[in-house]
Amino acid sequence: WDTEIKGFGLRVLPSGLKTFIVQYRNAEGIQRRMNLGRFGVLT
């Protein structure tokens, strides 16, 4: 998890794949997590 923006993070898999993610709660209070893109494709 990034310390600068709460909810912004990097998911790392055993395969080595690194994907940027963002996590938040929507208006109904349900936690959501979505992919932003792969590291290397996005800076």
PDB file of all heavy atoms in Angstrom:
ATOM      1  N   TRP A   1       0.833  -1.201   0.000  1.00  0.00           N
ATOM      2  CA  TRP A   1       0.000   0.000   0.000  1.00  0.00           C
ATOM      3  C   TRP A   1       0.866   1.249   0.000  1.00  0.00           C
ATOM      4  O   TRP A   1       1.875   1.332   0.707  1.00  0.00           O
ATOM      5  CB  TRP A   1      -0.940   0.010   1.198  1.00  0.00           C
ATOM      6  CG  TRP A   1      -1.948  -1.088   1.158  1.00  0.00           C
ATOM      7  CD1 TRP A   1      -1.994  -2.177   1.965  1.00  0.00           C
ATOM      8  CD2 TRP A   1      -3.053  -1.213   0.258  1.00  0.00           C
ATOM      9  NE1 TRP A   1      -3.046  -2.982   1.633  1.00  0.00           N
ATOM     10  CE2 TRP A   1      -3.725  -2.417   0.592  1.00  0.00           C
ATOM     11  CE3 TRP A   1      -3.532  -0.432  -0.786  1.00  0.00           C
ATOM     12  CZ2 TRP A   1      -4.852  -2.845  -0.097  1.00  0.00           C
ATOM     13  CZ3 TRP A   1      -4.660  -0.851  -1.466  1.00  0.00           C
ATOM     14  CH2 TRP A   1      -5.320  -2.058  -1.128  1.00  0.00           C
ATOM     15  N   ASP A   2       0.444   2.211  -0.788  1.00  0.00           N
ATOM     16  CA  ASP A   2       1.148   3.486  -0.899  1.00  0.00           C
ATOM     17  C   ASP A   2       0.833   4.356   0.322  1.00  0.00           C
ATOM     18  O   ASP A   2      -0.322   4.439   0.758  1.00  0.00           O
ATOM     19  CB  ASP A   2       0.706   4.197  -2.178  1.00  0.00           C
ATOM     20  CG  ASP A   2       1.445   5.500  -2.414  1.00  0.00           C
ATOM     21  OD1 ASP A   2       2.684   5.476  -2.405  1.00  0.00           O
ATOM     22  OD2 ASP A   2       0.768   6.528  -2.611  1.00  0.00           O
ATOM     23  N   THR A   3       1.841   5.033   0.895  1.00  0.00           N
ATOM     24  CA  THR A   3       1.627   5.891   2.060  1.00  0.00           C
ATOM     25  C   THR A   3       1.186   7.291   1.669  1.00  0.00           C
ATOM     26  O   THR A   3       0.749   8.067   2.524  1.00  0.00           O
ATOM     27  CB  THR A   3       2.926   5.984   2.892  1.00  0.00           C
ATOM     28  OG1 THR A   3       3.999   6.394   2.040  1.00  0.00           O
ATOM     29  CG2 THR A   3       3.264   4.644   3.517  1.00  0.00           C
ATOM     30  N   GLU A   4       1.274   7.624   0.381  1.00  0.00           N
ATOM     31  CA  GLU A   4       0.896   8.965  -0.051  1.00  0.00           C
ATOM     32  C   GLU A   4      -0.592   9.069  -0.354  1.00  0.00           C
ATOM     33  O   GLU A   4      -1.232  10.086  -0.021  1.00  0.00           O
ATOM     34  CB  GLU A   4       1.706   9.354  -1.292  1.00  0.00           C
ATOM     35  CG  GLU A   4       1.449  10.779  -1.779  1.00  0.00           C
ATOM     36  CD  GLU A   4       2.344  11.159  -2.928  1.00  0.00           C
ATOM     37  OE1 GLU A   4       3.588  11.127  -2.764  1.00  0.00           O
ATOM     38  OE2 GLU A   4       1.810  11.482  -4.008  1.00  0.00           O
ATOM     39  N   ILE A   5      -1.167   8.042  -0.990  1.00  0.00           N
ATOM     40  CA  ILE A   5      -2.592   8.050  -1.319  1.00  0.00           C
ATOM     41  C   ILE A   5      -3.237   6.809  -0.694  1.00  0.00           C
ATOM     42  O   ILE A   5      -2.921   5.676  -1.067  1.00  0.00           O
ATOM     43  CB  ILE A   5      -2.814   8.038  -2.845  1.00  0.00           C
ATOM     44  CG1 ILE A   5      -2.205   9.274  -3.488  1.00  0.00           C
ATOM     45  CG2 ILE A   5      -4.302   7.949  -3.154  1.00  0.00           C
ATOM     46  CD1 ILE A   5      -2.371   9.320  -4.983  1.00  0.00           C
ATOM     47  N   LYS A   6      -4.142   7.024   0.247  1.00  0.00           N
ATOM     48  CA  LYS A   6      -4.818   5.905   0.898  1.00  0.00           C
ATOM     49  C   LYS A   6      -5.693   5.169  -0.114  1.00  0.00           C
ATOM     50  O   LYS A   6      -6.513   5.767  -0.811  1.00  0.00           O
ATOM     51  CB  LYS A   6      -5.682   6.422   2.047  1.00  0.00           C
ATOM     52  CG  LYS A   6      -6.348   5.299   2.837  1.00  0.00           C
ATOM     53  CD  LYS A   6      -7.160   5.845   3.994  1.00  0.00           C
ATOM     54  CE  LYS A   6      -7.826   4.701   4.766  1.00  0.00           C
ATOM     55  NZ  LYS A   6      -8.646   5.222   5.892  1.00  0.00           N
ATOM     56  N   GLY A   7      -5.517   3.868  -0.183  1.00  0.00           N
ATOM     57  CA  GLY A   7      -6.282   3.041  -1.106  1.00  0.00           C
ATOM     58  C   GLY A   7      -5.555   2.702  -2.388  1.00  0.00           C
ATOM     59  O   GLY A   7      -6.002   1.847  -3.154  1.00  0.00           O
ATOM     60  N   PHE A   8      -4.414   3.333  -2.631  1.00  0.00           N
ATOM     61  CA  PHE A   8      -3.615   3.060  -3.832  1.00  0.00           C
ATOM     62  C   PHE A   8      -2.560   2.020  -3.467  1.00  0.00           C
ATOM     63  O   PHE A   8      -1.879   2.138  -2.440  1.00  0.00           O
ATOM     64  CB  PHE A   8      -2.951   4.344  -4.314  1.00  0.00           C
ATOM     65  CG  PHE A   8      -1.984   4.163  -5.460  1.00  0.00           C
ATOM     66  CD1 PHE A   8      -2.342   3.467  -6.606  1.00  0.00           C
ATOM     67  CD2 PHE A   8      -0.695   4.701  -5.390  1.00  0.00           C
ATOM     68  CE1 PHE A   8      -1.457   3.303  -7.658  1.00  0.00           C
ATOM     69  CE2 PHE A   8       0.203   4.551  -6.432  1.00  0.00           C
ATOM     70  CZ  PHE A   8      -0.177   3.846  -7.568  1.00  0.00           C
ATOM     71  N   GLY A   9      -2.426   0.982  -4.268  1.00  0.00           N
ATOM     72  CA  GLY A   9      -1.485  -0.074  -3.929  1.00  0.00           C
ATOM     73  C   GLY A   9      -0.961  -0.824  -5.136  1.00  0.00           C
ATOM     74  O   GLY A   9      -1.345  -0.564  -6.292  1.00  0.00           O
ATOM     75  N   LEU A  10      -0.097  -1.776  -4.852  1.00  0.00           N
ATOM     76  CA  LEU A  10       0.505  -2.635  -5.880  1.00  0.00           C
ATOM     77  C   LEU A  10       0.299  -4.075  -5.460  1.00  0.00           C
ATOM     78  O   LEU A  10       0.710  -4.476  -4.362  1.00  0.00           O
ATOM     79  CB  LEU A  10       2.005  -2.348  -6.018  1.00  0.00           C
ATOM     80  CG  LEU A  10       2.734  -3.196  -7.058  1.00  0.00           C
ATOM     81  CD1 LEU A  10       2.528  -2.606  -8.446  1.00  0.00           C
ATOM     82  CD2 LEU A  10       4.228  -3.279  -6.737  1.00  0.00           C
ATOM     83  N   ARG A  11      -0.342  -4.866  -6.326  1.00  0.00           N
ATOM     84  CA  ARG A  11      -0.524  -6.292  -6.059  1.00  0.00           C
ATOM     85  C   ARG A  11       0.568  -7.073  -6.768  1.00  0.00           C
ATOM     86  O   ARG A  11       0.787  -6.896  -7.973  1.00  0.00           O
ATOM     87  CB  ARG A  11      -1.897  -6.756  -6.553  1.00  0.00           C
ATOM     88  CG  ARG A  11      -2.170  -8.241  -6.288  1.00  0.00           C
ATOM     89  CD  ARG A  11      -3.582  -8.606  -6.624  1.00  0.00           C
ATOM     90  NE  ARG A  11      -3.857  -8.428  -8.042  1.00  0.00           N
ATOM     91  CZ  ARG A  11      -5.072  -8.452  -8.565  1.00  0.00           C
ATOM     92  NH1 ARG A  11      -6.128  -8.602  -7.779  1.00  0.00           N
ATOM     93  NH2 ARG A  11      -5.259  -8.316  -9.861  1.00  0.00           N
ATOM     94  N   VAL A  12       1.259  -7.950  -6.021  1.00  0.00           N
ATOM     95  CA  VAL A  12       2.355  -8.752  -6.570  1.00  0.00           C
ATOM     96  C   VAL A  12       1.987 -10.225  -6.447  1.00  0.00           C
ATOM     97  O   VAL A  12       1.639 -10.706  -5.371  1.00  0.00           O
ATOM     98  CB  VAL A  12       3.678  -8.480  -5.826  1.00  0.00           C
ATOM     99  CG1 VAL A  12       4.826  -9.251  -6.476  1.00  0.00           C
ATOM    100  CG2 VAL A  12       3.977  -6.997  -5.784  1.00  0.00           C
ATOM    101  N   LEU A  13       2.055 -10.948  -7.571  1.00  0.00           N
ATOM    102  CA  LEU A  13       1.716 -12.367  -7.596  1.00  0.00           C
ATOM    103  C   LEU A  13       2.974 -13.228  -7.558  1.00  0.00           C
ATOM    104  O   LEU A  13       4.069 -12.756  -7.892  1.00  0.00           O
ATOM    105  CB  LEU A  13       0.926 -12.694  -8.869  1.00  0.00           C
ATOM    106  CG  LEU A  13      -0.373 -11.917  -9.079  1.00  0.00           C
ATOM    107  CD1 LEU A  13      -1.066 -12.405 -10.342  1.00  0.00           C
ATOM    108  CD2 LEU A  13      -1.289 -12.067  -7.876  1.00  0.00           C
ATOM    109  N   PRO A  14       2.847 -14.493  -7.160  1.00  0.00           N
ATOM    110  CA  PRO A  14       4.007 -15.394  -7.170  1.00  0.00           C
ATOM    111  C   PRO A  14       4.670 -15.502  -8.534  1.00  0.00           C
ATOM    112  O   PRO A  14       5.862 -15.766  -8.636  1.00  0.00           O
ATOM    113  CB  PRO A  14       3.399 -16.744  -6.745  1.00  0.00           C
ATOM    114  CG  PRO A  14       2.225 -16.360  -5.905  1.00  0.00           C
ATOM    115  CD  PRO A  14       1.664 -15.122  -6.559  1.00  0.00           C
ATOM    116  N   SER A  15       3.894 -15.282  -9.606  1.00  0.00           N
ATOM    117  CA  SER A  15       4.442 -15.345 -10.963  1.00  0.00           C
ATOM    118  C   SER A  15       5.338 -14.158 -11.278  1.00  0.00           C
ATOM    119  O   SER A  15       6.047 -14.153 -12.279  1.00  0.00           O
ATOM    120  CB  SER A  15       3.300 -15.385 -11.980  1.00  0.00           C
ATOM    121  OG  SER A  15       2.541 -14.176 -11.928  1.00  0.00           O
ATOM    122  N   GLY A  16       5.316 -13.104 -10.409  1.00  0.00           N
ATOM    123  CA  GLY A  16       6.097 -11.907 -10.662  1.00  0.00           C
ATOM    124  C   GLY A  16       5.285 -10.776 -11.251  1.00  0.00           C
ATOM    125  O   GLY A  16       5.774  -9.651 -11.392  1.00  0.00           O
ATOM    126  N   LEU A  17       4.021 -11.048 -11.608  1.00  0.00           N
ATOM    127  CA  LEU A  17       3.162 -10.020 -12.193  1.00  0.00           C
ATOM    128  C   LEU A  17       2.849  -8.952 -11.148  1.00  0.00           C
ATOM    129  O   LEU A  17       2.433  -9.262 -10.029  1.00  0.00           O
ATOM    130  CB  LEU A  17       1.871 -10.648 -12.699  1.00  0.00           C
ATOM    131  CG  LEU A  17       0.901  -9.723 -13.439  1.00  0.00           C
ATOM    132  CD1 LEU A  17       1.506  -9.280 -14.760  1.00  0.00           C
ATOM    133  CD2 LEU A  17      -0.419 -10.444 -13.672  1.00  0.00           C
ATOM    134  N   LYS A  18       3.036  -7.679 -11.516  1.00  0.00           N
ATOM    135  CA  LYS A  18       2.798  -6.551 -10.608  1.00  0.00           C
ATOM    136  C   LYS A  18       1.727  -5.651 -11.212  1.00  0.00           C
ATOM    137  O   LYS A  18       1.884  -5.162 -12.334  1.00  0.00           O
ATOM    138  CB  LYS A  18       4.096  -5.765 -10.390  1.00  0.00           C
ATOM    139  CG  LYS A  18       5.227  -6.605  -9.776  1.00  0.00           C
ATOM    140  CD  LYS A  18       6.545  -5.852  -9.742  1.00  0.00           C
ATOM    141  CE  LYS A  18       7.665  -6.732  -9.187  1.00  0.00           C
ATOM    142  NZ  LYS A  18       8.975  -6.044  -9.198  1.00  0.00           N
ATOM    143  N   THR A  19       0.637  -5.454 -10.466  1.00  0.00           N
ATOM    144  CA  THR A  19      -0.502  -4.694 -10.963  1.00  0.00           C
ATOM    145  C   THR A  19      -0.887  -3.600  -9.970  1.00  0.00           C
ATOM    146  O   THR A  19      -1.037  -3.876  -8.774  1.00  0.00           O
ATOM    147  CB  THR A  19      -1.715  -5.621 -11.192  1.00  0.00           C
ATOM    148  OG1 THR A  19      -1.334  -6.705 -12.053  1.00  0.00           O
ATOM    149  CG2 THR A  19      -2.871  -4.860 -11.812  1.00  0.00           C
ATOM    150  N   PHE A  20      -1.067  -2.387 -10.472  1.00  0.00           N
ATOM    151  CA  PHE A  20      -1.537  -1.292  -9.630  1.00  0.00           C
ATOM    152  C   PHE A  20      -3.026  -1.475  -9.356  1.00  0.00           C
ATOM    153  O   PHE A  20      -3.798  -1.849 -10.249  1.00  0.00           O
ATOM    154  CB  PHE A  20      -1.313   0.062 -10.312  1.00  0.00           C
ATOM    155  CG  PHE A  20       0.134   0.432 -10.477  1.00  0.00           C
ATOM    156  CD1 PHE A  20       0.720   0.476 -11.732  1.00  0.00           C
ATOM    157  CD2 PHE A  20       0.914   0.741  -9.362  1.00  0.00           C
ATOM    158  CE1 PHE A  20       2.050   0.819 -11.888  1.00  0.00           C
ATOM    159  CE2 PHE A  20       2.247   1.087  -9.510  1.00  0.00           C
ATOM    160  CZ  PHE A  20       2.829   1.120 -10.773  1.00  0.00           C
ATOM    161  N   ILE A  21      -3.450  -1.190  -8.119  1.00  0.00           N
ATOM    162  CA  ILE A  21      -4.856  -1.326  -7.739  1.00  0.00           C
ATOM    163  C   ILE A  21      -5.291  -0.098  -6.955  1.00  0.00           C
ATOM    164  O   ILE A  21      -4.463   0.669  -6.457  1.00  0.00           O
ATOM    165  CB  ILE A  21      -5.095  -2.587  -6.887  1.00  0.00           C
ATOM    166  CG1 ILE A  21      -4.303  -2.506  -5.572  1.00  0.00           C
ATOM    167  CG2 ILE A  21      -4.743  -3.852  -7.650  1.00  0.00           C
ATOM    168  CD1 ILE A  21      -4.670  -3.595  -4.580  1.00  0.00           C
ATOM    169  N   VAL A  22      -6.595   0.084  -6.844  1.00  0.00           N
ATOM    170  CA  VAL A  22      -7.155   1.098  -5.958  1.00  0.00           C
ATOM    171  C   VAL A  22      -8.313   0.458  -5.199  1.00  0.00           C
ATOM    172  O   VAL A  22      -9.079  -0.330  -5.764  1.00  0.00           O
ATOM    173  CB  VAL A  22      -7.612   2.353  -6.741  1.00  0.00           C
ATOM    174  CG1 VAL A  22      -8.746   2.038  -7.688  1.00  0.00           C
ATOM    175  CG2 VAL A  22      -7.990   3.476  -5.787  1.00  0.00           C
ATOM    176  N   GLN A  23      -8.398   0.770  -3.903  1.00  0.00           N
ATOM    177  CA  GLN A  23      -9.425   0.179  -3.051  1.00  0.00           C
ATOM    178  C   GLN A  23     -10.180   1.297  -2.329  1.00  0.00           C
ATOM    179  O   GLN A  23      -9.577   2.281  -1.902  1.00  0.00           O
ATOM    180  CB  GLN A  23      -8.764  -0.763  -2.038  1.00  0.00           C
ATOM    181  CG  GLN A  23      -9.739  -1.473  -1.108  1.00  0.00           C
ATOM    182  CD  GLN A  23      -9.061  -2.545  -0.284  1.00  0.00           C
ATOM    183  OE1 GLN A  23      -8.641  -3.579  -0.796  1.00  0.00           O
ATOM    184  NE2 GLN A  23      -8.922  -2.287   1.013  1.00  0.00           N
ATOM    185  N   TYR A  24     -11.498   1.132  -2.207  1.00  0.00           N
ATOM    186  CA  TYR A  24     -12.323   2.172  -1.593  1.00  0.00           C
ATOM    187  C   TYR A  24     -13.657   1.554  -1.165  1.00  0.00           C
ATOM    188  O   TYR A  24     -13.941   0.397  -1.460  1.00  0.00           O
ATOM    189  CB  TYR A  24     -12.586   3.305  -2.609  1.00  0.00           C
ATOM    190  CG  TYR A  24     -13.334   2.851  -3.827  1.00  0.00           C
ATOM    191  CD1 TYR A  24     -14.722   2.897  -3.885  1.00  0.00           C
ATOM    192  CD2 TYR A  24     -12.652   2.320  -4.934  1.00  0.00           C
ATOM    193  CE1 TYR A  24     -15.420   2.444  -4.994  1.00  0.00           C
ATOM    194  CE2 TYR A  24     -13.341   1.864  -6.052  1.00  0.00           C
ATOM    195  CZ  TYR A  24     -14.729   1.934  -6.066  1.00  0.00           C
ATOM    196  OH  TYR A  24     -15.408   1.472  -7.158  1.00  0.00           O
ATOM    197  N   ARG A  25     -14.492   2.369  -0.477  1.00  0.00           N
ATOM    198  CA  ARG A  25     -15.859   1.961  -0.169  1.00  0.00           C
ATOM    199  C   ARG A  25     -16.814   2.868  -0.937  1.00  0.00           C
ATOM    200  O   ARG A  25     -16.655   4.084  -0.928  1.00  0.00           O
ATOM    201  CB  ARG A  25     -16.135   2.052   1.332  1.00  0.00           C
ATOM    202  CG  ARG A  25     -15.384   0.983   2.132  1.00  0.00           C
ATOM    203  CD  ARG A  25     -15.831   0.949   3.580  1.00  0.00           C
ATOM    204  NE  ARG A  25     -15.090  -0.070   4.309  1.00  0.00           N
ATOM    205  CZ  ARG A  25     -15.404  -1.368   4.343  1.00  0.00           C
ATOM    206  NH1 ARG A  25     -16.502  -1.790   3.702  1.00  0.00           N
ATOM    207  NH2 ARG A  25     -14.671  -2.226   5.018  1.00  0.00           N
ATOM    208  N   ASN A  26     -17.788   2.267  -1.606  1.00  0.00           N
ATOM    209  CA  ASN A  26     -18.717   3.063  -2.390  1.00  0.00           C
ATOM    210  C   ASN A  26     -19.778   3.697  -1.488  1.00  0.00           C
ATOM    211  O   ASN A  26     -19.731   3.569  -0.249  1.00  0.00           O
ATOM    212  CB  ASN A  26     -19.342   2.234  -3.514  1.00  0.00           C
ATOM    213  CG  ASN A  26     -20.219   1.106  -2.984  1.00  0.00           C
ATOM    214  OD1 ASN A  26     -20.563   1.043  -1.802  1.00  0.00           O
ATOM    215  ND2 ASN A  26     -20.601   0.204  -3.880  1.00  0.00           N
ATOM    216  N   ALA A  27     -20.745   4.368  -2.088  1.00  0.00           N
ATOM    217  CA  ALA A  27     -21.751   5.095  -1.317  1.00  0.00           C
ATOM    218  C   ALA A  27     -22.566   4.180  -0.413  1.00  0.00           C
ATOM    219  O   ALA A  27     -23.133   4.624   0.595  1.00  0.00           O
ATOM    220  CB  ALA A  27     -22.677   5.850  -2.271  1.00  0.00           C
ATOM    221  N   GLU A  28     -22.639   2.898  -0.748  1.00  0.00           N
ATOM    222  CA  GLU A  28     -23.379   1.937   0.063  1.00  0.00           C
ATOM    223  C   GLU A  28     -22.523   1.285   1.133  1.00  0.00           C
ATOM    224  O   GLU A  28     -22.982   0.399   1.854  1.00  0.00           O
ATOM    225  CB  GLU A  28     -23.973   0.857  -0.851  1.00  0.00           C
ATOM    226  CG  GLU A  28     -24.960   1.413  -1.866  1.00  0.00           C
ATOM    227  CD  GLU A  28     -25.447   0.353  -2.835  1.00  0.00           C
ATOM    228  OE1 GLU A  28     -24.805  -0.723  -2.899  1.00  0.00           O
ATOM    229  OE2 GLU A  28     -26.441   0.583  -3.532  1.00  0.00           O
ATOM    230  N   GLY A  29     -21.251   1.714   1.206  1.00  0.00           N
ATOM    231  CA  GLY A  29     -20.356   1.166   2.216  1.00  0.00           C
ATOM    232  C   GLY A  29     -19.732  -0.162   1.833  1.00  0.00           C
ATOM    233  O   GLY A  29     -19.104  -0.826   2.667  1.00  0.00           O
ATOM    234  N   ILE A  30     -19.895  -0.568   0.574  1.00  0.00           N
ATOM    235  CA  ILE A  30     -19.326  -1.839   0.111  1.00  0.00           C
ATOM    236  C   ILE A  30     -17.893  -1.608  -0.360  1.00  0.00           C
ATOM    237  O   ILE A  30     -17.628  -0.679  -1.129  1.00  0.00           O
ATOM    238  CB  ILE A  30     -20.162  -2.415  -1.046  1.00  0.00           C
ATOM    239  CG1 ILE A  30     -21.598  -2.677  -0.579  1.00  0.00           C
ATOM    240  CG2 ILE A  30     -19.523  -3.701  -1.574  1.00  0.00           C
ATOM    241  CD1 ILE A  30     -22.536  -3.080  -1.705  1.00  0.00           C
ATOM    242  N   GLN A  31     -16.976  -2.437   0.131  1.00  0.00           N
ATOM    243  CA  GLN A  31     -15.574  -2.282  -0.270  1.00  0.00           C
ATOM    244  C   GLN A  31     -15.371  -2.785  -1.686  1.00  0.00           C
ATOM    245  O   GLN A  31     -15.824  -3.870  -2.050  1.00  0.00           O
ATOM    246  CB  GLN A  31     -14.657  -3.054   0.684  1.00  0.00           C
ATOM    247  CG  GLN A  31     -13.177  -2.881   0.353  1.00  0.00           C
ATOM    248  CD  GLN A  31     -12.280  -3.485   1.410  1.00  0.00           C
ATOM    249  OE1 GLN A  31     -12.093  -2.934   2.481  1.00  0.00           O
ATOM    250  NE2 GLN A  31     -11.707  -4.644   1.104  1.00  0.00           N
ATOM    251  N   ARG A  32     -14.722  -1.963  -2.482  1.00  0.00           N
ATOM    252  CA  ARG A  32     -14.416  -2.309  -3.863  1.00  0.00           C
ATOM    253  C   ARG A  32     -12.909  -2.279  -4.071  1.00  0.00           C
ATOM    254  O   ARG A  32     -12.193  -1.495  -3.438  1.00  0.00           O
ATOM    255  CB  ARG A  32     -15.056  -1.310  -4.829  1.00  0.00           C
ATOM    256  CG  ARG A  32     -16.557  -1.195  -4.734  1.00  0.00           C
ATOM    257  CD  ARG A  32     -17.239  -2.373  -5.376  1.00  0.00           C
ATOM    258  NE  ARG A  32     -18.601  -2.062  -5.753  1.00  0.00           N
ATOM    259  CZ  ARG A  32     -19.458  -2.950  -6.225  1.00  0.00           C
ATOM    260  NH1 ARG A  32     -19.075  -4.199  -6.403  1.00  0.00           N
ATOM    261  NH2 ARG A  32     -20.698  -2.593  -6.545  1.00  0.00           N
ATOM    262  N   ARG A  33     -12.443  -3.098  -4.981  1.00  0.00           N
ATOM    263  CA  ARG A  33     -11.029  -3.089  -5.371  1.00  0.00           C
ATOM    264  C   ARG A  33     -10.977  -3.282  -6.880  1.00  0.00           C
ATOM    265  O   ARG A  33     -11.623  -4.186  -7.407  1.00  0.00           O
ATOM    266  CB  ARG A  33     -10.244  -4.185  -4.669  1.00  0.00           C
ATOM    267  CG  ARG A  33      -8.768  -4.209  -5.033  1.00  0.00           C
ATOM    268  CD  ARG A  33      -8.049  -5.362  -4.339  1.00  0.00           C
ATOM    269  NE  ARG A  33      -7.994  -5.167  -2.903  1.00  0.00           N
ATOM    270  CZ  ARG A  33      -7.527  -6.080  -2.048  1.00  0.00           C
ATOM    271  NH1 ARG A  33      -7.134  -7.253  -2.507  1.00  0.00           N
ATOM    272  NH2 ARG A  33      -7.490  -5.832  -0.751  1.00  0.00           N
ATOM    273  N   MET A  34     -10.232  -2.437  -7.572  1.00  0.00           N
ATOM    274  CA  MET A  34     -10.159  -2.562  -9.018  1.00  0.00           C
ATOM    275  C   MET A  34      -8.725  -2.413  -9.505  1.00  0.00           C
ATOM    276  O   MET A  34      -7.903  -1.741  -8.853  1.00  0.00           O
ATOM    277  CB  MET A  34     -11.050  -1.525  -9.706  1.00  0.00           C
ATOM    278  CG  MET A  34     -10.676  -0.079  -9.475  1.00  0.00           C
ATOM    279  SD  MET A  34     -11.813   1.092 -10.287  1.00  0.00           S
ATOM    280  CE  MET A  34     -11.549   0.690 -12.020  1.00  0.00           C
ATOM    281  N   ASN A  35      -8.436  -3.064 -10.610  1.00  0.00           N
ATOM    282  CA  ASN A  35      -7.120  -2.962 -11.228  1.00  0.00           C
ATOM    283  C   ASN A  35      -7.016  -1.661 -12.006  1.00  0.00           C
ATOM    284  O   ASN A  35      -7.962  -1.253 -12.689  1.00  0.00           O
ATOM    285  CB  ASN A  35      -6.872  -4.131 -12.182  1.00  0.00           C
ATOM    286  CG  ASN A  35      -6.806  -5.452 -11.458  1.00  0.00           C
ATOM    287  OD1 ASN A  35      -6.491  -5.514 -10.285  1.00  0.00           O
ATOM    288  ND2 ASN A  35      -7.123  -6.531 -12.170  1.00  0.00           N
ATOM    289  N   LEU A  36      -5.850  -1.033 -11.919  1.00  0.00           N
ATOM    290  CA  LEU A  36      -5.584   0.165 -12.710  1.00  0.00           C
ATOM    291  C   LEU A  36      -4.754  -0.153 -13.941  1.00  0.00           C
ATOM    292  O   LEU A  36      -4.873   0.498 -14.973  1.00  0.00           O
ATOM    293  CB  LEU A  36      -4.851   1.209 -11.848  1.00  0.00           C
ATOM    294  CG  LEU A  36      -5.624   1.719 -10.620  1.00  0.00           C
ATOM    295  CD1 LEU A  36      -4.736   2.645  -9.797  1.00  0.00           C
ATOM    296  CD2 LEU A  36      -6.886   2.435 -11.041  1.00  0.00           C
ATOM    297  N   GLY A  37      -3.880  -1.148 -13.832  1.00  0.00           N
ATOM    298  CA  GLY A  37      -3.024  -1.528 -14.951  1.00  0.00           C
ATOM    299  C   GLY A  37      -1.744  -2.150 -14.446  1.00  0.00           C
ATOM    300  O   GLY A  37      -1.394  -2.054 -13.262  1.00  0.00           O
ATOM    301  N   ARG A  38      -1.028  -2.800 -15.336  1.00  0.00           N
ATOM    302  CA  ARG A  38       0.213  -3.476 -14.958  1.00  0.00           C
ATOM    303  C   ARG A  38       1.367  -2.484 -14.833  1.00  0.00           C
ATOM    304  O   ARG A  38       1.443  -1.512 -15.584  1.00  0.00           O
ATOM    305  CB  ARG A  38       0.592  -4.532 -16.004  1.00  0.00           C
ATOM    306  CG  ARG A  38      -0.380  -5.683 -16.119  1.00  0.00           C
ATOM    307  CD  ARG A  38       0.169  -6.745 -17.049  1.00  0.00           C
ATOM    308  NE  ARG A  38      -0.801  -7.789 -17.345  1.00  0.00           N
ATOM    309  CZ  ARG A  38      -0.528  -8.873 -18.064  1.00  0.00           C
ATOM    310  NH1 ARG A  38       0.680  -9.033 -18.573  1.00  0.00           N
ATOM    311  NH2 ARG A  38      -1.459  -9.785 -18.287  1.00  0.00           N
ATOM    312  N   PHE A  39       2.240  -2.757 -13.859  1.00  0.00           N
ATOM    313  CA  PHE A  39       3.478  -1.999 -13.751  1.00  0.00           C
ATOM    314  C   PHE A  39       4.333  -2.324 -14.980  1.00  0.00           C
ATOM    315  O   PHE A  39       4.507  -3.481 -15.338  1.00  0.00           O
ATOM    316  CB  PHE A  39       4.226  -2.393 -12.481  1.00  0.00           C
ATOM    317  CG  PHE A  39       5.609  -1.806 -12.370  1.00  0.00           C
ATOM    318  CD1 PHE A  39       5.794  -0.439 -12.329  1.00  0.00           C
ATOM    319  CD2 PHE A  39       6.726  -2.638 -12.319  1.00  0.00           C
ATOM    320  CE1 PHE A  39       7.059   0.107 -12.235  1.00  0.00           C
ATOM    321  CE2 PHE A  39       7.995  -2.098 -12.221  1.00  0.00           C
ATOM    322  CZ  PHE A  39       8.169  -0.721 -12.180  1.00  0.00           C
ATOM    323  N   GLY A  40       4.829  -1.294 -15.618  1.00  0.00           N
ATOM    324  CA  GLY A  40       5.558  -1.465 -16.872  1.00  0.00           C
ATOM    325  C   GLY A  40       4.747  -0.937 -18.025  1.00  0.00           C
ATOM    326  O   GLY A  40       5.282  -0.293 -18.932  1.00  0.00           O
ATOM    327  N   VAL A  41       3.421  -1.224 -17.983  1.00  0.00           N
ATOM    328  CA  VAL A  41       2.514  -0.596 -18.942  1.00  0.00           C
ATOM    329  C   VAL A  41       2.198   0.815 -18.460  1.00  0.00           C
ATOM    330  O   VAL A  41       2.196   1.776 -19.215  1.00  0.00           O
ATOM    331  CB  VAL A  41       1.221  -1.422 -19.095  1.00  0.00           C
ATOM    332  CG1 VAL A  41       0.237  -0.717 -20.029  1.00  0.00           C
ATOM    333  CG2 VAL A  41       1.546  -2.818 -19.624  1.00  0.00           C
ATOM    334  N   LEU A  42       1.933   0.919 -17.142  1.00  0.00           N
ATOM    335  CA  LEU A  42       1.767   2.220 -16.490  1.00  0.00           C
ATOM    336  C   LEU A  42       3.001   2.529 -15.656  1.00  0.00           C
ATOM    337  O   LEU A  42       3.562   1.628 -15.015  1.00  0.00           O
ATOM    338  CB  LEU A  42       0.547   2.209 -15.557  1.00  0.00           C
ATOM    339  CG  LEU A  42      -0.850   2.136 -16.171  1.00  0.00           C
ATOM    340  CD1 LEU A  42      -1.887   2.135 -15.052  1.00  0.00           C
ATOM    341  CD2 LEU A  42      -1.094   3.295 -17.116  1.00  0.00           C
ATOM    342  N   THR A  43       3.419   3.776 -15.623  1.00  0.00           N
ATOM    343  CA  THR A  43       4.449   4.200 -14.674  1.00  0.00           C
ATOM    344  C   THR A  43       3.792   4.405 -13.325  1.00  0.00           C
ATOM    345  O   THR A  43       2.554   4.466 -13.210  1.00  0.00           O
ATOM    346  CB  THR A  43       5.118   5.511 -15.126  1.00  0.00           C
ATOM    347  OG1 THR A  43       4.144   6.565 -15.045  1.00  0.00           O
ATOM    348  CG2 THR A  43       5.655   5.407 -16.549  1.00  0.00           C
TER     349      THR A  43
END
